[in-house]
Amino acid sequence: MNLFGSFLKRIFRRPSGDTHDYSFSVWGHAVDVLRVIDDGAKLRVAGFGHGVKENDYIILPNKGQTTRYQVTCIRYCGDPRDMWFADVVFSPREVQA
């Protein structure tokens, strides 16, 4: 990779955030997919639960498996206070060697 490519990679790298497991739903901790964009590369979701913020990761169920997405934009509601709407992008887990 050339110097310019390395520079661009550092600039556009998303900061890491916390991971929130929404692979199963319970009262007060759930996510529903509202819209699938680009064959699942992006989603618009609604969720319940405190603490999710921009750049965090959420783990969602996917056909008996789980898939990781990164939150790009989130907006909490006023009532109920733990409800939010978010845009997320597919973010595959890093392979551990």
Protein backbone atom coordinates (compact mmCIF):
# COMPACT_ATOMS: atom_id res chain seq x y z
CA MET A 1 0.00 0.00 0.00
CA ASN A 2 1.40 3.39 -0.89
CA LEU A 3 1.74 6.29 1.54
CA PHE A 4 -1.38 8.07 0.25
CA GLY A 5 -3.49 4.90 0.61
CA SER A 6 -2.23 4.40 4.15
CA PHE A 7 -3.08 8.02 4.95
CA LEU A 8 -6.63 7.64 3.58
CA LYS A 9 -7.15 4.39 5.50
CA ARG A 10 -6.25 6.12 8.79
CA ILE A 11 -8.51 9.11 8.07
CA PHE A 12 -11.58 7.11 7.11
CA ARG A 13 -11.22 4.35 9.70
CA ARG A 14 -14.22 4.31 11.97
CA PRO A 15 -13.41 4.48 15.65
CA SER A 16 -14.30 1.33 17.54
CA GLY A 17 -17.15 1.35 19.98
CA ASP A 18 -18.84 -0.94 22.47
CA THR A 19 -20.66 -4.06 21.32
CA HIS A 20 -24.32 -4.63 22.22
CA ASP A 21 -25.80 -8.10 21.76
CA TYR A 22 -29.31 -7.92 20.31
CA SER A 23 -29.25 -11.50 19.00
CA PHE A 24 -32.30 -12.24 21.16
CA SER A 25 -35.10 -9.99 22.33
CA VAL A 26 -36.32 -9.45 25.87
CA TRP A 27 -38.56 -6.79 27.34
CA GLY A 28 -36.71 -3.46 27.07
CA HIS A 29 -33.85 -4.87 24.95
CA ALA A 30 -34.80 -5.48 21.32
CA VAL A 31 -34.14 -4.35 17.75
CA ASP A 32 -36.50 -4.46 14.78
CA VAL A 33 -35.33 -3.98 11.20
CA LEU A 34 -37.40 -1.27 9.53
CA ARG A 35 -35.64 -1.18 6.17
CA VAL A 36 -33.02 -3.25 4.34
CA ILE A 37 -30.75 -1.22 2.03
CA ASP A 38 -28.23 -2.55 -0.53
CA ASP A 39 -29.08 -6.22 0.11
CA GLY A 40 -28.37 -5.92 3.84
CA ALA A 41 -25.17 -3.87 3.64
CA LYS A 42 -27.13 -1.14 5.44
CA LEU A 43 -30.17 -1.28 7.68
CA ARG A 44 -32.53 1.19 9.28
CA VAL A 45 -33.55 -0.17 12.69
CA ALA A 46 -35.62 0.71 15.74
CA GLY A 47 -34.51 -0.48 19.13
CA PHE A 48 -34.99 -0.42 22.86
CA GLY A 49 -32.17 -0.27 25.39
CA HIS A 50 -29.92 2.35 26.92
CA GLY A 51 -26.29 2.98 26.06
CA VAL A 52 -26.11 2.42 22.31
CA LYS A 53 -24.23 5.27 20.63
CA GLU A 54 -22.70 6.20 17.30
CA ASN A 55 -19.79 3.92 16.26
CA ASP A 56 -20.96 1.14 18.60
CA TYR A 57 -21.57 -2.33 17.23
CA ILE A 58 -24.82 -4.27 17.49
CA ILE A 59 -25.13 -8.01 17.03
CA LEU A 60 -28.33 -9.01 15.24
CA PRO A 61 -29.84 -12.45 14.53
CA ASN A 62 -29.54 -13.66 10.94
CA LYS A 63 -30.95 -17.05 9.87
CA GLY A 64 -29.81 -18.93 12.97
CA GLN A 65 -26.48 -17.10 13.06
CA THR A 66 -25.54 -13.57 14.10
CA THR A 67 -24.33 -10.58 12.10
CA ARG A 68 -22.47 -7.51 13.33
CA TYR A 69 -23.42 -3.98 12.28
CA GLN A 70 -21.89 -0.62 13.21
CA VAL A 71 -24.12 2.28 14.20
CA THR A 72 -23.54 5.27 11.91
CA CYS A 73 -26.38 7.47 13.16
CA ILE A 74 -28.68 7.14 16.18
CA ARG A 75 -31.55 9.20 17.55
CA TYR A 76 -33.12 8.53 20.94
CA CYS A 77 -36.81 9.24 21.44
CA GLY A 78 -38.21 11.38 24.23
CA ASP A 79 -40.97 8.94 25.15
CA PRO A 80 -40.09 6.20 25.82
CA ARG A 81 -36.57 7.36 26.65
CA ASP A 82 -34.93 4.01 25.91
CA MET A 83 -36.31 3.80 22.35
CA TRP A 84 -34.07 4.75 19.45
CA PHE A 85 -33.84 4.75 15.67
CA ALA A 86 -30.53 4.07 13.96
CA ASP A 87 -28.80 3.61 10.62
CA VAL A 88 -26.29 0.77 10.70
CA VAL A 89 -23.78 -0.70 8.24
CA PHE A 90 -22.57 -4.28 7.91
CA SER A 91 -19.31 -4.66 9.80
CA PRO A 92 -17.90 -8.19 9.67
CA ARG A 93 -16.06 -9.38 12.74
CA GLU A 94 -12.30 -9.48 12.52
CA VAL A 95 -10.92 -12.99 12.14
CA GLN A 96 -8.85 -14.07 15.12
CA ALA A 97 -5.69 -15.91 14.07
